[in-house]
Amino acid sequence: MKSRILAIAGVITLAGITATGCSASGAASDDGTLTFMFRGSDAEKAAYTKAIEEFEKANDVDVKIIMTTADEYSTKLKAAIAGKKVPDVFYVDPGSVQAYVRSGIIKDITAAVEKEVDLDNVWAYGIDSYRFDGALMGKGDIYAMPKDVGPFSFGYNKTMFEEAGIPLPDVDQPYTWAEFIDVAKKLTKDNDGDGKLDQWGTGLNVQWNLQSFVWSNGGDWLNDDRTRVTVDSPEFVEALQFFADMSTKDAVTPSSSDSQTLDTYQRWMQGEIGFFPVGPWDVPTYQKLDFEWDLIPYPVGKTGETATWTGTLGIAVSESTKNADLATKLAIYLSTNETAQQSLVDDGVQIPNLIDMADTWVADSTTPPANKQEFLDIVQDYGRALPANTTYSAEWYDELWKNIQPVLDGKQSAKDYLDEVQPRMQELLDKANADAGIG
């Protein structure tokens, strides 16, 4: 599941890029062309190729497309930066913006964006993810345009519910944790009578789903000014323990051994899982499933409010481009031009960046999910950035996942683990903030 999400959510670690020797000169546009470097699927390449052809015609310019796989992108971009051959326009993730700004790699495009773009018609989350005021992300000048916004929603197997005679979930009123476990237990079954479970209520990955449980329970990874790691709070402890108990106590999710036989993503695809996360990038694949599915809010903890994260990738302009105006125009075009957006939406690779186009997209009842509105609610109302996307580096955040398995296996309590890992995370956060000149 991790690689599937990384391809869209844009969590790339770019540690090692510093201000020394990284400010690029000599970008690839001095021969009269622009270079655009990105990563994605064949469908994405086809959509971008079509959109860029229109841009070339309208602006009398040649755009060289450099495409890599998701796994190769970070390495190849770092090599281009080190070799002072930075593409004119390229993908950037929010977690790398601070380092890129401080290293002189990406351009401040605020003036052009505010002049050319109707910001009221672009998701604020998408724009704000690439703002940086010199101290905190989410504020200040704009250093990239959103390639997309990726709301990480919650799906359910409608066919499984109907076959079990369980009332369908309410799309507006989320389950409480207790209600969610109750339904998940009813969906967990041995269908063939061999004494082994072959259907489960859910099957969630801790690295990508713990966030919704923590946030809806009133916990968080950091304090407001992002100087203290708060994973040892009672709210966070309770959420992690609840997550672990789904497997060890409630037995509504495949065990570690079950997951080794077949991971939960594949089990969901085969109709063996009742609840599973869904991102917009999943929709083309999920249209081919042999069962009906739809979206609902994540179950809620003590706050009573649902929560989840929204991923995003940005389209940045190189500080060293030889044609800054045209490169900026390309970044804005790929992000907000109606024709370009329609190509991407038609190929099923994202939801529209333009709010009015998204409203039309939601009204389309010919393709699943029926409750597309849930995607937009996440983007507009309650989706949050992944914690590592708001700090100078992700090392402190990654530390949480390294030794979490004993908690998930019931061999260590959530409290003991979080008390143990918090100081290590704090030390790494302090280092990141020091590198960023904060504190």
Protein backbone atom coordinates (compact mmCIF):
# COMPACT_ATOMS: atom_id res chain seq x y z
CA MET A 1 0.00 0.00 0.00
CA LYS A 2 2.83 2.41 0.75
CA SER A 3 4.16 2.63 -2.80
CA ARG A 4 0.64 3.05 -4.17
CA ILE A 5 0.09 6.09 -1.98
CA LEU A 6 3.51 7.61 -2.39
CA ALA A 7 2.98 7.85 -6.12
CA ILE A 8 0.23 10.38 -5.53
CA ALA A 9 0.65 11.90 -2.11
CA GLY A 10 4.11 13.22 -2.82
CA VAL A 11 6.00 12.28 0.32
CA ILE A 12 9.58 12.52 -0.98
CA THR A 13 12.47 12.93 1.42
CA LEU A 14 15.08 15.31 0.07
CA ALA A 15 17.50 15.31 2.97
CA GLY A 16 20.96 16.44 2.04
CA ILE A 17 19.95 19.38 -0.11
CA THR A 18 21.48 22.39 1.57
CA ALA A 19 22.32 25.90 0.57
CA THR A 20 25.92 24.95 -0.17
CA GLY A 21 26.53 24.26 -3.83
CA CYS A 22 22.88 23.59 -4.66
CA SER A 23 21.72 26.89 -6.05
CA ALA A 24 21.49 25.88 -9.67
CA SER A 25 22.65 27.77 -12.69
CA GLY A 26 22.31 26.82 -16.31
CA ALA A 27 18.82 25.32 -16.55
CA ALA A 28 17.75 23.56 -19.70
CA SER A 29 15.83 26.40 -21.34
CA ASP A 30 18.72 28.38 -22.86
CA ASP A 31 18.13 26.72 -26.26
CA GLY A 32 14.62 28.15 -26.52
CA THR A 33 12.76 25.22 -24.99
CA LEU A 34 11.23 24.49 -21.62
CA THR A 35 11.75 21.26 -19.71
CA PHE A 36 9.02 19.73 -17.55
CA MET A 37 9.96 16.86 -15.23
CA PHE A 38 7.31 14.77 -13.51
CA ARG A 39 6.44 11.28 -12.37
CA GLY A 40 3.29 9.27 -12.79
CA SER A 41 1.35 6.68 -14.72
CA ASP A 42 1.00 6.17 -18.46
CA ALA A 43 -2.47 7.71 -18.22
CA GLU A 44 -0.95 10.79 -16.60
CA LYS A 45 1.70 11.03 -19.30
CA ALA A 46 -0.95 10.85 -22.02
CA ALA A 47 -3.02 13.55 -20.34
CA TYR A 48 -0.04 15.85 -19.84
CA THR A 49 1.20 15.30 -23.39
CA LYS A 50 -2.18 16.34 -24.75
CA ALA A 51 -2.34 19.41 -22.51
CA ILE A 52 1.22 20.50 -23.24
CA GLU A 53 0.68 20.26 -26.99
CA GLU A 54 -2.01 22.91 -26.61
CA PHE A 55 0.33 25.07 -24.52
CA GLU A 56 3.08 24.78 -27.15
CA LYS A 57 0.73 25.92 -29.90
CA ALA A 58 -0.58 28.86 -27.90
CA ASN A 59 2.85 30.05 -26.77
CA ASP A 60 5.11 29.10 -29.72
CA VAL A 61 7.46 27.07 -27.52
CA ASP A 62 8.75 23.53 -27.36
CA VAL A 63 8.31 21.72 -24.04
CA LYS A 64 10.55 18.74 -23.41
CA ILE A 65 8.78 16.21 -21.17
CA ILE A 66 10.97 14.24 -18.77
CA MET A 67 8.99 11.47 -17.08
CA THR A 68 10.21 9.07 -14.41
CA THR A 69 8.63 6.44 -12.21
CA ALA A 70 7.64 7.41 -8.68
CA ASP A 71 10.56 5.45 -7.25
CA GLU A 72 13.14 7.11 -9.53
CA TYR A 73 11.95 10.68 -9.32
CA SER A 74 13.68 11.81 -6.14
CA THR A 75 17.04 10.36 -7.17
CA LYS A 76 16.92 11.83 -10.67
CA LEU A 77 15.80 15.24 -9.46
CA LYS A 78 18.61 15.35 -6.90
CA ALA A 79 21.07 14.44 -9.66
CA ALA A 80 19.75 17.25 -11.85
CA ILE A 81 20.11 19.70 -8.98
CA ALA A 82 23.63 18.54 -8.16
CA GLY A 83 24.58 18.81 -11.84
CA LYS A 84 23.07 22.30 -12.10
CA LYS A 85 20.65 21.10 -14.78
CA VAL A 86 17.43 21.79 -12.93
CA PRO A 87 14.32 21.40 -15.11
CA ASP A 88 12.47 24.63 -15.78
CA VAL A 89 9.27 23.21 -14.31
CA PHE A 90 9.03 20.16 -12.07
CA TYR A 91 7.08 18.40 -9.33
CA VAL A 92 7.78 19.29 -5.72
CA ASP A 93 6.18 17.97 -2.53
CA PRO A 94 5.25 20.30 0.34
CA GLY A 95 7.80 18.72 2.67
CA SER A 96 10.64 19.86 0.40
CA VAL A 97 9.58 23.47 -0.12
CA GLN A 98 11.53 24.91 2.83
CA ALA A 99 14.79 23.28 1.77
CA TYR A 100 14.30 24.33 -1.85
CA VAL A 101 13.52 27.93 -0.93
CA ARG A 102 16.53 28.21 1.36
CA SER A 103 18.75 26.61 -1.29
CA GLY A 104 17.62 28.94 -4.05
CA ILE A 105 16.21 26.14 -6.18
CA ILE A 106 12.57 27.15 -6.64
CA LYS A 107 11.15 30.51 -7.62
CA ASP A 108 8.71 32.72 -5.77
CA ILE A 109 5.79 32.89 -8.22
CA THR A 110 3.36 34.83 -6.01
CA ALA A 111 3.07 37.92 -8.22
CA ALA A 112 2.23 35.96 -11.37
CA VAL A 113 -0.22 33.68 -9.56
CA GLU A 114 -2.08 36.55 -7.94
CA LYS A 115 -2.27 38.34 -11.28
CA GLU A 116 -3.26 35.41 -13.48
CA VAL A 117 -5.25 33.04 -11.24
CA ASP A 118 -8.68 33.37 -9.68
CA LEU A 119 -7.62 32.02 -6.30
CA ASP A 120 -11.23 31.86 -5.15
CA ASN A 121 -11.75 29.10 -7.72
CA VAL A 122 -8.75 26.96 -6.66
CA TRP A 123 -8.74 24.82 -3.53
CA ALA A 124 -7.16 26.90 -0.76
CA TYR A 125 -5.53 23.76 0.62
CA GLY A 126 -3.69 23.27 -2.68
CA ILE A 127 -2.33 26.81 -2.79
CA ASP A 128 -1.56 27.04 0.92
CA SER A 129 0.45 23.81 0.82
CA TYR A 130 3.13 25.68 -1.15
CA ARG A 131 3.18 28.91 0.84
CA PHE A 132 6.22 29.64 3.03
CA ASP A 133 6.86 32.80 5.02
CA GLY A 134 10.43 31.99 5.98
CA ALA A 135 9.42 30.33 9.23
CA LEU A 136 6.25 28.28 8.80
CA MET A 137 4.65 26.44 5.90
CA GLY A 138 1.11 27.36 4.94
CA LYS A 139 1.69 31.11 5.14
CA GLY A 140 3.38 33.74 3.01
CA ASP A 141 4.64 33.61 -0.57
CA ILE A 142 3.69 30.95 -3.12
CA TYR A 143 6.47 28.69 -4.40
CA ALA A 144 4.48 26.18 -6.47
CA MET A 145 1.07 25.57 -7.96
CA PRO A 146 -0.85 22.45 -6.94
CA LYS A 147 -0.58 19.64 -9.43
CA ASP A 148 -3.43 18.07 -7.50
CA VAL A 149 -5.07 17.61 -4.15
CA GLY A 150 -5.47 14.04 -2.96
CA PRO A 151 -8.15 13.59 -0.28
CA PHE A 152 -7.63 10.27 1.52
CA SER A 153 -11.18 9.08 2.02
CA PHE A 154 -12.78 6.00 3.57
CA GLY A 155 -14.54 3.40 1.46
CA TYR A 156 -16.82 0.50 2.20
CA ASN A 157 -17.91 -2.63 0.34
CA LYS A 158 -21.60 -1.97 -0.29
CA THR A 159 -22.20 -5.45 -1.67
CA MET A 160 -20.81 -7.04 1.51
CA PHE A 161 -23.15 -4.95 3.65
CA GLU A 162 -26.17 -5.92 1.59
CA GLU A 163 -25.32 -9.61 1.65
CA ALA A 164 -24.90 -9.46 5.43
CA GLY A 165 -28.18 -7.59 5.89
CA ILE A 166 -26.43 -4.68 7.63
CA PRO A 167 -27.86 -1.17 7.14
CA LEU A 168 -25.65 0.91 4.87
CA PRO A 169 -23.51 3.58 6.55
CA ASP A 170 -24.79 7.14 6.66
CA VAL A 171 -22.78 9.36 4.32
CA ASP A 172 -23.25 12.35 6.61
CA GLN A 173 -23.19 10.87 10.12
CA PRO A 174 -19.94 8.99 10.86
CA TYR A 175 -19.75 5.91 13.03
CA THR A 176 -18.41 6.35 16.52
CA TRP A 177 -15.46 4.09 17.26
CA ALA A 178 -17.74 1.71 19.19
CA GLU A 179 -20.27 1.58 16.34
CA PHE A 180 -17.50 1.02 13.83
CA ILE A 181 -16.10 -1.96 15.75
CA ASP A 182 -19.59 -3.40 16.18
CA VAL A 183 -20.23 -3.33 12.41
CA ALA A 184 -16.71 -4.56 11.63
CA LYS A 185 -17.28 -7.59 13.89
CA LYS A 186 -20.49 -8.44 12.02
CA LEU A 187 -18.56 -8.32 8.74
CA THR A 188 -15.73 -10.57 9.99
CA LYS A 189 -16.59 -14.14 9.01
CA ASP A 190 -15.49 -17.64 8.11
CA ASN A 191 -17.52 -18.00 4.93
CA ASP A 192 -16.37 -21.46 3.86
CA GLY A 193 -16.57 -23.16 7.26
CA ASP A 194 -12.94 -24.27 7.41
CA GLY A 195 -12.36 -22.69 10.81
CA LYS A 196 -10.34 -19.79 9.40
CA LEU A 197 -11.48 -16.24 8.77
CA ASP A 198 -11.68 -15.28 5.11
CA GLN A 199 -13.57 -11.99 5.44
CA TRP A 200 -12.73 -9.07 7.71
CA GLY A 201 -14.34 -5.83 8.74
CA THR A 202 -11.31 -3.79 7.84
CA GLY A 203 -7.58 -3.88 7.10
CA LEU A 204 -5.86 -0.55 7.64
CA ASN A 205 -2.19 0.39 7.31
CA VAL A 206 -0.99 2.21 10.42
CA GLN A 207 1.29 4.60 8.54
CA TRP A 208 -1.51 5.95 6.38
CA ASN A 209 -4.59 5.55 8.58
CA LEU A 210 -3.53 6.30 12.14
CA GLN A 211 -3.81 10.03 11.40
CA SER A 212 -7.60 10.03 11.16
CA PHE A 213 -7.97 8.21 14.50
CA VAL A 214 -5.49 10.47 16.30
CA TRP A 215 -6.96 13.71 14.96
CA SER A 216 -10.59 12.75 15.56
CA ASN A 217 -9.64 11.87 19.13
CA GLY A 218 -8.16 15.31 19.75
CA GLY A 219 -4.50 14.31 19.45
CA ASP A 220 -1.77 15.48 17.09
CA TRP A 221 1.88 14.95 16.25
CA LEU A 222 3.03 18.51 17.05
CA ASN A 223 2.03 21.53 19.07
CA ASP A 224 0.80 24.66 17.28
CA ASP A 225 4.20 26.24 16.65
CA ARG A 226 5.68 22.86 15.60
CA THR A 227 8.40 22.86 18.25
CA ARG A 228 7.24 19.93 20.41
CA VAL A 229 6.36 16.35 19.51
CA THR A 230 3.08 15.48 21.23
CA VAL A 231 2.67 11.78 20.47
CA ASP A 232 2.81 10.98 24.18
CA SER A 233 -0.47 12.80 24.89
CA PRO A 234 -3.37 10.75 26.33
CA GLU A 235 -5.42 11.38 23.18
CA PHE A 236 -2.69 10.03 20.91
CA VAL A 237 -2.05 7.05 23.18
CA GLU A 238 -5.74 6.15 23.19
CA ALA A 239 -5.97 6.36 19.40
CA LEU A 240 -2.94 4.15 18.78
CA GLN A 241 -4.16 1.59 21.29
CA PHE A 242 -7.57 1.55 19.63
CA PHE A 243 -5.89 1.02 16.26
CA ALA A 244 -3.82 -1.90 17.59
CA ASP A 245 -6.83 -3.43 19.34
CA MET A 246 -8.66 -3.76 16.03
CA SER A 247 -6.33 -6.67 15.31
CA THR A 248 -5.25 -8.01 18.70
CA LYS A 249 -8.44 -7.56 20.73
CA ASP A 250 -11.36 -7.13 18.35
CA ALA A 251 -9.94 -9.37 15.58
CA VAL A 252 -11.64 -7.39 12.81
CA THR A 253 -8.55 -6.98 10.66
CA PRO A 254 -6.21 -9.59 9.18
CA SER A 255 -3.37 -10.65 11.47
CA SER A 256 0.27 -10.09 10.54
CA SER A 257 0.50 -13.64 9.23
CA ASP A 258 -2.71 -13.22 7.21
CA SER A 259 -1.29 -10.04 5.68
CA GLN A 260 1.93 -11.80 4.74
CA THR A 261 -0.08 -14.35 2.78
CA LEU A 262 -2.01 -11.62 0.97
CA ASP A 263 -1.85 -7.93 1.82
CA THR A 264 -4.97 -6.05 2.77
CA TYR A 265 -5.05 -4.03 -0.45
CA GLN A 266 -5.32 -7.23 -2.47
CA ARG A 267 -7.89 -8.60 -0.04
CA TRP A 268 -9.98 -5.45 -0.50
CA MET A 269 -9.69 -5.81 -4.27
CA GLN A 270 -10.94 -9.40 -3.97
CA GLY A 271 -13.95 -8.39 -1.87
CA GLU A 272 -12.67 -9.77 1.44
CA ILE A 273 -12.52 -6.45 3.37
CA GLY A 274 -15.48 -4.33 4.48
CA PHE A 275 -13.82 -0.93 5.06
CA PHE A 276 -10.75 0.40 3.26
CA PRO A 277 -9.24 3.80 2.37
CA VAL A 278 -9.81 5.31 -1.05
CA GLY A 279 -7.94 8.13 -2.79
CA PRO A 280 -8.93 9.72 -6.11
CA TRP A 281 -5.99 7.90 -7.71
CA ASP A 282 -7.69 4.59 -6.84
CA VAL A 283 -10.94 5.35 -8.65
CA PRO A 284 -9.95 4.12 -12.16
CA THR A 285 -8.78 0.79 -10.71
CA TYR A 286 -11.72 0.43 -8.35
CA GLN A 287 -14.17 0.88 -11.22
CA LYS A 288 -13.17 -2.64 -12.27
CA LEU A 289 -13.99 -4.28 -8.94
CA ASP A 290 -16.55 -7.07 -8.81
CA PHE A 291 -18.51 -5.40 -6.02
CA GLU A 292 -20.19 -2.07 -5.38
CA TRP A 293 -18.43 0.40 -3.12
CA ASP A 294 -18.82 3.95 -1.94
CA LEU A 295 -17.31 6.62 0.34
CA ILE A 296 -18.17 7.58 3.92
CA PRO A 297 -16.49 9.71 6.61
CA TYR A 298 -13.89 8.06 8.86
CA PRO A 299 -15.21 6.90 12.27
CA VAL A 300 -14.89 9.47 15.03
CA GLY A 301 -13.19 9.53 18.41
CA LYS A 302 -13.94 11.73 21.39
CA THR A 303 -14.10 15.01 19.42
CA GLY A 304 -17.08 13.69 17.47
CA GLU A 305 -15.55 15.10 14.29
CA THR A 306 -14.22 13.05 11.39
CA ALA A 307 -10.66 13.66 10.22
CA THR A 308 -8.20 12.57 7.56
CA TRP A 309 -5.34 13.92 5.48
CA THR A 310 -5.09 15.39 2.03
CA GLY A 311 -2.05 14.71 -0.07
CA THR A 312 -0.77 16.98 -2.80
CA LEU A 313 2.01 17.48 -5.29
CA GLY A 314 3.12 20.87 -6.53
CA ILE A 315 4.43 22.21 -9.82
CA ALA A 316 7.40 24.49 -9.17
CA VAL A 317 9.52 26.75 -11.34
CA SER A 318 13.31 26.66 -11.20
CA GLU A 319 14.97 29.79 -9.85
CA SER A 320 17.61 29.35 -12.59
CA THR A 321 15.28 29.04 -15.58
CA LYS A 322 16.28 31.20 -18.55
CA ASN A 323 12.64 31.95 -19.31
CA ALA A 324 10.98 32.61 -15.97
CA ASP A 325 7.81 34.18 -17.35
CA LEU A 326 7.04 31.31 -19.72
CA ALA A 327 8.02 28.63 -17.19
CA THR A 328 5.72 30.23 -14.61
CA LYS A 329 2.99 30.39 -17.22
CA LEU A 330 3.39 26.64 -17.85
CA ALA A 331 3.15 25.83 -14.13
CA ILE A 332 -0.02 27.90 -13.82
CA TYR A 333 -1.44 26.40 -17.02
CA LEU A 334 -0.93 22.80 -15.91
CA SER A 335 -2.55 23.58 -12.56
CA THR A 336 -5.52 25.71 -13.54
CA ASN A 337 -6.21 25.73 -17.28
CA GLU A 338 -9.66 24.24 -17.88
CA THR A 339 -8.61 22.19 -20.90
CA ALA A 340 -5.53 20.83 -19.14
CA GLN A 341 -7.54 19.99 -16.05
CA GLN A 342 -10.22 18.26 -18.10
CA SER A 343 -7.59 16.01 -19.71
CA LEU A 344 -6.36 14.91 -16.31
CA VAL A 345 -9.87 14.44 -14.92
CA ASP A 346 -11.04 12.52 -17.99
CA ASP A 347 -8.15 10.10 -17.57
CA GLY A 348 -9.15 9.55 -13.95
CA VAL A 349 -5.86 10.62 -12.39
CA GLN A 350 -7.19 13.33 -10.07
CA ILE A 351 -10.11 15.47 -8.97
CA PRO A 352 -10.29 18.94 -10.54
CA ASN A 353 -8.19 21.73 -9.04
CA LEU A 354 -10.86 24.21 -10.12
CA ILE A 355 -13.77 24.37 -7.71
CA ASP A 356 -16.44 25.07 -10.32
CA MET A 357 -15.21 22.13 -12.41
CA ALA A 358 -15.21 19.92 -9.31
CA ASP A 359 -18.84 20.79 -8.66
CA THR A 360 -19.70 19.50 -12.13
CA TRP A 361 -17.56 16.40 -11.59
CA VAL A 362 -19.40 15.57 -8.35
CA ALA A 363 -22.74 15.67 -10.15
CA ASP A 364 -21.66 12.91 -12.57
CA SER A 365 -23.60 9.83 -11.47
CA THR A 366 -22.38 7.58 -14.28
CA THR A 367 -19.13 6.56 -12.56
CA PRO A 368 -18.35 5.51 -8.99
CA PRO A 369 -18.17 6.51 -6.27
CA ALA A 370 -21.71 7.74 -5.86
CA ASN A 371 -20.66 9.92 -2.92
CA LYS A 372 -17.93 11.89 -4.71
CA GLN A 373 -18.87 14.80 -2.47
CA GLU A 374 -16.89 13.17 0.34
CA PHE A 375 -13.67 13.83 -1.59
CA LEU A 376 -14.53 17.51 -1.86
CA ASP A 377 -15.61 17.77 1.77
CA ILE A 378 -12.18 16.53 2.80
CA VAL A 379 -10.38 19.06 0.60
CA GLN A 380 -12.58 21.99 1.50
CA ASP A 381 -13.56 21.33 5.11
CA TYR A 382 -11.56 18.92 7.19
CA GLY A 383 -8.57 17.41 5.39
CA ARG A 384 -5.16 18.17 6.92
CA ALA A 385 -1.58 18.05 5.73
CA LEU A 386 0.48 15.03 6.68
CA PRO A 387 2.56 16.09 9.72
CA ALA A 388 5.93 15.79 7.96
CA ASN A 389 4.82 18.15 5.20
CA THR A 390 4.91 21.11 7.58
CA THR A 391 8.48 20.72 8.85
CA TYR A 392 11.97 21.08 7.41
CA SER A 393 12.59 17.34 7.29
CA ALA A 394 10.59 14.15 7.83
CA GLU A 395 13.08 12.21 9.96
CA TRP A 396 11.29 12.96 13.22
CA TYR A 397 7.99 11.73 11.75
CA ASP A 398 9.48 8.61 10.16
CA GLU A 399 10.91 7.61 13.54
CA LEU A 400 7.42 6.76 14.85
CA TRP A 401 6.93 3.93 12.37
CA LYS A 402 10.31 2.22 12.69
CA ASN A 403 9.58 0.11 15.78
CA ILE A 404 5.79 0.27 16.04
CA GLN A 405 5.09 -3.35 15.06
CA PRO A 406 5.19 -4.77 18.63
CA VAL A 407 2.29 -2.45 19.51
CA LEU A 408 0.29 -3.71 16.52
CA ASP A 409 1.06 -7.30 17.52
CA GLY A 410 -0.05 -6.72 21.13
CA LYS A 411 3.43 -7.22 22.57
CA GLN A 412 3.82 -3.62 23.83
CA SER A 413 1.27 -1.07 24.99
CA ALA A 414 0.75 2.10 23.01
CA LYS A 415 1.61 4.19 26.08
CA ASP A 416 4.92 2.44 26.71
CA TYR A 417 5.94 2.74 23.09
CA LEU A 418 4.98 6.39 22.72
CA ASP A 419 6.72 7.34 25.97
CA GLU A 420 9.80 5.61 24.58
CA VAL A 421 9.75 7.05 21.06
CA GLN A 422 8.77 10.65 21.87
CA PRO A 423 12.26 11.74 23.04
CA ARG A 424 13.86 10.34 19.87
CA MET A 425 11.29 12.12 17.71
CA GLN A 426 11.82 15.34 19.68
CA GLU A 427 15.56 15.22 19.15
CA LEU A 428 15.09 14.83 15.40
CA LEU A 429 12.50 17.62 15.30
CA ASP A 430 14.87 19.92 17.20
CA LYS A 431 17.53 19.20 14.61
CA ALA A 432 15.13 19.91 11.74
CA ASN A 433 14.07 23.19 13.31
CA ALA A 434 17.69 24.16 13.92
CA ASP A 435 18.50 23.41 10.28
CA ALA A 436 15.61 25.62 9.31
CA GLY A 437 16.76 28.41 11.59
CA ILE A 438 13.76 28.06 13.89
CA GLY A 439 13.98 28.19 17.67
